[in-house]
Amino acid sequence: MSVPINVYAYLGDAYLALKAKTYLISLGIYKSKELSKQSIQFLSAKAQADFIVYAQDQPWFNETMKEYFLRGRNYKTDTIPKNASVITYRLATGCEAVFGYYYVIEDEQTLNQLWDYYRTYVQEKYETISLR
């Protein structure tokens, strides 16, 4: 199946949103305002960009991940969110493309590992999840 790179990024974005929100609910966070606040930490372009920069230096970041990251990062789009620089947005798009690729090929093991690395990184870097 030949899938355009922007579709991988789109699916990766949706995958991360579902994983992050499901994770927050599993922690007992039920109030809409708190869910929104906490999920922004996980789903911001900055968090995704920071993670993918970090990930590239890790031994588990393989050639396939690099390939889809670069394809996503280099994808030309006409829209840039107002909350992110062009560089941050492109790095985040590359990150989403990696998640989307593994989602499309249904590699649950790699997706779960990537999610665990991502979740841990974001929680440590941004000190998320303030349970009350």
Protein backbone atom coordinates (compact mmCIF):
# COMPACT_ATOMS: atom_id res chain seq x y z
CA MET A 1 0.00 0.00 0.00
CA SER A 2 1.42 3.35 -1.02
CA VAL A 3 0.48 5.98 1.54
CA PRO A 4 1.48 9.65 1.20
CA ILE A 5 3.68 10.86 4.05
CA ASN A 6 1.13 13.46 5.14
CA VAL A 7 -1.34 10.61 5.78
CA TYR A 8 1.20 8.88 8.04
CA ALA A 9 1.60 12.15 9.96
CA TYR A 10 -2.18 12.59 10.18
CA LEU A 11 -2.64 9.07 11.56
CA GLY A 12 0.34 9.49 13.90
CA ASP A 13 -1.24 12.64 15.30
CA ALA A 14 -4.52 10.81 15.88
CA TYR A 15 -2.73 7.85 17.46
CA LEU A 16 -0.82 10.08 19.89
CA ALA A 17 -3.99 11.97 20.79
CA LEU A 18 -5.86 8.78 21.60
CA LYS A 19 -2.95 7.27 23.56
CA ALA A 20 -2.36 10.44 25.59
CA LYS A 21 -6.01 11.00 26.42
CA THR A 22 -6.60 7.34 27.28
CA TYR A 23 -3.52 7.40 29.50
CA LEU A 24 -4.68 10.50 31.35
CA ILE A 25 -8.11 8.99 31.96
CA SER A 26 -6.47 5.79 33.23
CA LEU A 27 -4.78 7.96 35.88
CA GLY A 28 -8.16 9.14 37.10
CA ILE A 29 -8.17 12.54 35.45
CA TYR A 30 -11.80 13.08 34.49
CA LYS A 31 -12.43 16.82 34.53
CA SER A 32 -12.49 18.29 31.03
CA LYS A 33 -10.38 21.31 31.94
CA GLU A 34 -7.65 19.16 33.52
CA LEU A 35 -7.75 16.65 30.66
CA SER A 36 -7.28 19.47 28.16
CA LYS A 37 -4.45 21.04 30.16
CA GLN A 38 -2.60 17.76 30.62
CA SER A 39 -3.14 16.53 27.06
CA ILE A 40 -1.67 19.73 25.64
CA GLN A 41 1.62 18.80 27.30
CA PHE A 42 1.63 15.52 25.38
CA LEU A 43 0.25 16.75 22.09
CA SER A 44 1.99 20.06 21.52
CA ALA A 45 4.25 20.47 18.52
CA LYS A 46 7.03 21.47 20.93
CA ALA A 47 6.78 18.21 22.90
CA GLN A 48 6.79 16.17 19.70
CA ALA A 49 9.70 18.14 18.25
CA ASP A 50 11.72 17.88 21.47
CA PHE A 51 11.06 14.15 21.65
CA ILE A 52 12.12 13.42 18.07
CA VAL A 53 15.36 15.37 18.52
CA TYR A 54 16.05 13.32 21.65
CA ALA A 55 14.98 10.05 19.98
CA GLN A 56 17.45 10.39 17.12
CA ASP A 57 20.33 9.95 19.58
CA GLN A 58 18.88 6.80 21.15
CA PRO A 59 20.04 3.27 20.25
CA TRP A 60 16.45 2.18 19.56
CA PHE A 61 15.93 4.86 16.87
CA ASN A 62 16.43 2.73 13.76
CA GLU A 63 16.85 3.45 10.05
CA THR A 64 13.14 2.99 9.32
CA MET A 65 12.24 5.54 11.99
CA LYS A 66 14.82 7.92 10.56
CA GLU A 67 13.45 7.47 7.04
CA TYR A 68 9.86 8.27 8.02
CA PHE A 69 10.93 11.08 10.30
CA LEU A 70 12.87 12.74 7.47
CA ARG A 71 10.06 12.24 4.98
CA GLY A 72 7.58 13.79 7.40
CA ARG A 73 9.89 16.61 8.37
CA ASN A 74 10.55 17.49 4.74
CA TYR A 75 6.90 17.37 3.66
CA LYS A 76 5.89 20.77 2.31
CA THR A 77 2.63 22.11 3.66
CA ASP A 78 0.87 25.43 3.26
CA THR A 79 -0.34 25.59 6.85
CA ILE A 80 1.71 26.29 9.95
CA PRO A 81 -0.04 26.47 13.31
CA LYS A 82 0.16 29.82 15.02
CA ASN A 83 1.58 28.22 18.19
CA ALA A 84 4.72 26.75 16.60
CA SER A 85 7.66 27.88 14.51
CA VAL A 86 8.18 26.35 11.08
CA ILE A 87 11.10 24.27 12.39
CA THR A 88 9.15 22.99 15.40
CA TYR A 89 6.15 22.18 13.22
CA ARG A 90 8.26 20.24 10.72
CA LEU A 91 10.02 18.27 13.45
CA ALA A 92 6.63 17.45 15.00
CA THR A 93 5.26 16.36 11.63
CA GLY A 94 8.24 14.03 11.29
CA CYS A 95 7.54 12.60 14.74
CA GLU A 96 3.89 12.01 13.86
CA ALA A 97 4.90 10.33 10.59
CA VAL A 98 6.97 7.77 12.51
CA PHE A 99 4.03 6.90 14.75
CA GLY A 100 1.71 6.84 11.73
CA TYR A 101 3.95 4.48 9.79
CA TYR A 102 3.99 1.91 12.58
CA TYR A 103 0.24 2.33 12.98
CA VAL A 104 -0.38 1.65 9.28
CA ILE A 105 1.78 -1.48 9.24
CA GLU A 106 0.09 -2.57 12.48
CA ASP A 107 3.35 -3.02 14.40
CA GLU A 108 1.84 -2.88 17.89
CA GLN A 109 5.08 -3.83 19.62
CA THR A 110 7.02 -0.91 18.15
CA LEU A 111 4.09 1.47 18.66
CA ASN A 112 3.86 0.51 22.34
CA GLN A 113 7.61 0.93 22.80
CA LEU A 114 7.57 4.31 21.07
CA TRP A 115 4.59 5.42 23.16
CA ASP A 116 6.39 4.35 26.36
CA TYR A 117 9.52 6.28 25.36
CA TYR A 118 7.41 9.29 24.36
CA ARG A 119 5.25 9.26 27.51
CA THR A 120 8.28 8.94 29.78
CA TYR A 121 10.18 11.67 27.95
CA VAL A 122 7.29 14.14 28.04
CA GLN A 123 6.52 13.46 31.69
CA GLU A 124 10.15 13.95 32.72
CA LYS A 125 10.83 16.96 30.53
CA TYR A 126 7.60 18.84 31.20
CA GLU A 127 6.82 17.40 34.65
CA THR A 128 3.29 16.55 33.55
CA ILE A 129 0.59 14.73 35.44
CA SER A 130 -0.09 16.59 38.62
CA LEU A 131 -2.53 14.30 40.35
CA ARG A 132 -4.61 15.94 43.04
